Amino acid sequence: MVINYFRFVAEECREILASLGVRSIAELIGQVRYLEAAEGQSPRQKRLNLSSLITDAGVAASVPQYCVTPSNPPFDKGLLAEQMIQDHGRGNPERQRRRVEL
């Protein structure tokens, strides 16, 4: 059932992409020409100025609009956490379950 749901979501997504004339979601990133501000319904919404949200901020279309460099290796590999588990958890042979009778 979940697989069918995601299959239909993917199909609808491909249809929308085709209607926009793009092949992938990655081609949509940073393309503000596909955006338009919806008309506000309340007086407060109508006062909102969304123009700063739907702008390319001067970034040229020829440069990537998202991060294309591989991520850095993690600074903290969690060695201290692993040591703490070994010292105080199941890995410590000195720490055994004791039965206490009340």
C-alpha atoms as a PDB file:
ATOM      1  CA  MET A   1       0.000   0.000   0.000  1.00  0.00           C
ATOM      2  CA  VAL A   2       2.808   2.419   0.875  1.00  0.00           C
ATOM      3  CA  ILE A   3       4.729   1.369  -2.223  1.00  0.00           C
ATOM      4  CA  ASN A   4       1.723   2.192  -4.412  1.00  0.00           C
ATOM      5  CA  TYR A   5       1.359   5.578  -2.711  1.00  0.00           C
ATOM      6  CA  PHE A   6       4.952   6.538  -3.477  1.00  0.00           C
ATOM      7  CA  ARG A   7       4.623   5.162  -7.000  1.00  0.00           C
ATOM      8  CA  PHE A   8       1.660   7.500  -7.603  1.00  0.00           C
ATOM      9  CA  VAL A   9       3.518  10.426  -5.994  1.00  0.00           C
ATOM     10  CA  ALA A  10       6.486   9.793  -8.302  1.00  0.00           C
ATOM     11  CA  GLU A  11       4.210   9.559 -11.338  1.00  0.00           C
ATOM     12  CA  GLU A  12       2.459  12.815 -10.488  1.00  0.00           C
ATOM     13  CA  CYS A  13       5.813  14.481  -9.851  1.00  0.00           C
ATOM     14  CA  ARG A  14       7.057  13.372 -13.290  1.00  0.00           C
ATOM     15  CA  GLU A  15       3.877  14.759 -14.895  1.00  0.00           C
ATOM     16  CA  ILE A  16       4.362  18.136 -13.189  1.00  0.00           C
ATOM     17  CA  LEU A  17       8.029  18.214 -14.200  1.00  0.00           C
ATOM     18  CA  ALA A  18       7.088  17.445 -17.800  1.00  0.00           C
ATOM     19  CA  SER A  19       4.478  20.217 -17.807  1.00  0.00           C
ATOM     20  CA  LEU A  20       7.200  22.636 -16.659  1.00  0.00           C
ATOM     21  CA  GLY A  21       9.610  21.380 -19.293  1.00  0.00           C
ATOM     22  CA  VAL A  22      12.272  20.042 -16.924  1.00  0.00           C
ATOM     23  CA  ARG A  23      13.634  16.529 -16.547  1.00  0.00           C
ATOM     24  CA  SER A  24      14.470  16.398 -12.845  1.00  0.00           C
ATOM     25  CA  ILE A  25      13.790  18.108  -9.547  1.00  0.00           C
ATOM     26  CA  ALA A  26      17.448  19.164  -9.457  1.00  0.00           C
ATOM     27  CA  GLU A  27      16.779  21.359 -12.507  1.00  0.00           C
ATOM     28  CA  LEU A  28      14.067  23.189 -10.535  1.00  0.00           C
ATOM     29  CA  ILE A  29      16.290  24.216  -7.627  1.00  0.00           C
ATOM     30  CA  GLY A  30      16.866  27.951  -7.725  1.00  0.00           C
ATOM     31  CA  GLN A  31      14.599  28.512 -10.733  1.00  0.00           C
ATOM     32  CA  VAL A  32      12.389  31.302  -9.446  1.00  0.00           C
ATOM     33  CA  ARG A  33      10.740  31.833 -12.814  1.00  0.00           C
ATOM     34  CA  TYR A  34       8.343  29.017 -11.874  1.00  0.00           C
ATOM     35  CA  LEU A  35       7.203  30.812  -8.706  1.00  0.00           C
ATOM     36  CA  GLU A  36       4.541  33.403  -8.190  1.00  0.00           C
ATOM     37  CA  ALA A  37       3.107  34.861  -5.019  1.00  0.00           C
ATOM     38  CA  ALA A  38      -0.458  33.821  -4.258  1.00  0.00           C
ATOM     39  CA  GLU A  39      -2.948  36.547  -3.474  1.00  0.00           C
ATOM     40  CA  GLY A  40      -3.512  36.927   0.258  1.00  0.00           C
ATOM     41  CA  GLN A  41      -6.933  36.093   1.659  1.00  0.00           C
ATOM     42  CA  SER A  42      -6.912  38.168   4.838  1.00  0.00           C
ATOM     43  CA  PRO A  43      -5.948  41.844   5.153  1.00  0.00           C
ATOM     44  CA  ARG A  44      -2.835  40.804   7.051  1.00  0.00           C
ATOM     45  CA  GLN A  45      -1.781  38.370   4.317  1.00  0.00           C
ATOM     46  CA  LYS A  46      -2.397  40.989   1.649  1.00  0.00           C
ATOM     47  CA  ARG A  47       0.131  43.282   3.350  1.00  0.00           C
ATOM     48  CA  LEU A  48       2.896  40.682   3.072  1.00  0.00           C
ATOM     49  CA  ASN A  49       5.634  41.463   0.589  1.00  0.00           C
ATOM     50  CA  LEU A  50       7.032  38.133  -0.613  1.00  0.00           C
ATOM     51  CA  SER A  51       9.206  39.536  -3.382  1.00  0.00           C
ATOM     52  CA  SER A  52      12.403  38.930  -1.406  1.00  0.00           C
ATOM     53  CA  LEU A  53      11.527  35.221  -1.136  1.00  0.00           C
ATOM     54  CA  ILE A  54      10.975  34.663  -4.829  1.00  0.00           C
ATOM     55  CA  THR A  55      14.139  36.185  -6.197  1.00  0.00           C
ATOM     56  CA  ASP A  56      17.358  34.637  -7.470  1.00  0.00           C
ATOM     57  CA  ALA A  57      19.366  37.061  -5.292  1.00  0.00           C
ATOM     58  CA  GLY A  58      21.624  37.875  -8.215  1.00  0.00           C
ATOM     59  CA  VAL A  59      23.029  34.362  -8.558  1.00  0.00           C
ATOM     60  CA  ALA A  60      23.789  33.562 -12.188  1.00  0.00           C
ATOM     61  CA  ALA A  61      21.829  30.694 -13.726  1.00  0.00           C
ATOM     62  CA  SER A  62      25.076  29.164 -14.996  1.00  0.00           C
ATOM     63  CA  VAL A  63      26.368  28.379 -11.485  1.00  0.00           C
ATOM     64  CA  PRO A  64      24.948  25.566  -9.341  1.00  0.00           C
ATOM     65  CA  GLN A  65      21.999  26.604  -7.207  1.00  0.00           C
ATOM     66  CA  TYR A  66      22.715  23.986  -4.535  1.00  0.00           C
ATOM     67  CA  CYS A  67      25.740  22.383  -2.884  1.00  0.00           C
ATOM     68  CA  VAL A  68      27.633  20.167  -5.332  1.00  0.00           C
ATOM     69  CA  THR A  69      30.749  19.486  -3.248  1.00  0.00           C
ATOM     70  CA  PRO A  70      30.951  16.329  -1.168  1.00  0.00           C
ATOM     71  CA  SER A  71      30.366  16.811   2.517  1.00  0.00           C
ATOM     72  CA  ASN A  72      33.183  16.978   5.013  1.00  0.00           C
ATOM     73  CA  PRO A  73      33.920  13.939   7.169  1.00  0.00           C
ATOM     74  CA  PRO A  74      32.374  14.284  10.627  1.00  0.00           C
ATOM     75  CA  PHE A  75      34.570  16.067  13.150  1.00  0.00           C
ATOM     76  CA  ASP A  76      33.403  13.878  16.024  1.00  0.00           C
ATOM     77  CA  LYS A  77      33.502  10.183  15.243  1.00  0.00           C
ATOM     78  CA  GLY A  78      31.791   9.346  18.545  1.00  0.00           C
ATOM     79  CA  LEU A  79      34.776   7.556  20.041  1.00  0.00           C
ATOM     80  CA  LEU A  80      34.103   8.913  23.535  1.00  0.00           C
ATOM     81  CA  ALA A  81      30.479   7.756  23.370  1.00  0.00           C
ATOM     82  CA  GLU A  82      31.585   4.281  22.319  1.00  0.00           C
ATOM     83  CA  GLN A  83      34.098   4.188  25.170  1.00  0.00           C
ATOM     84  CA  MET A  84      31.397   5.230  27.646  1.00  0.00           C
ATOM     85  CA  ILE A  85      29.168   2.410  26.442  1.00  0.00           C
ATOM     86  CA  GLN A  86      31.990  -0.070  26.858  1.00  0.00           C
ATOM     87  CA  ASP A  87      32.841   1.246  30.340  1.00  0.00           C
ATOM     88  CA  HIS A  88      29.306   1.401  31.717  1.00  0.00           C
ATOM     89  CA  GLY A  89      27.182  -0.812  29.563  1.00  0.00           C
ATOM     90  CA  ARG A  90      26.991  -4.413  28.502  1.00  0.00           C
ATOM     91  CA  GLY A  91      30.613  -4.410  27.418  1.00  0.00           C
ATOM     92  CA  ASN A  92      31.930  -4.109  30.990  1.00  0.00           C
ATOM     93  CA  PRO A  93      32.447  -7.570  32.528  1.00  0.00           C
ATOM     94  CA  GLU A  94      32.742  -6.053  36.021  1.00  0.00           C
ATOM     95  CA  ARG A  95      29.211  -4.765  35.821  1.00  0.00           C
ATOM     96  CA  GLN A  96      26.992  -7.780  36.223  1.00  0.00           C
ATOM     97  CA  ARG A  97      23.385  -8.092  37.175  1.00  0.00           C
ATOM     98  CA  ARG A  98      22.886  -8.735  40.812  1.00  0.00           C
ATOM     99  CA  ARG A  99      19.784 -10.102  42.375  1.00  0.00           C
ATOM    100  CA  VAL A 100      18.672  -8.228  45.457  1.00  0.00           C
ATOM    101  CA  GLU A 101      16.113  -9.829  47.701  1.00  0.00           C
ATOM    102  CA  LEU A 102      13.872  -7.488  49.657  1.00  0.00           C
END
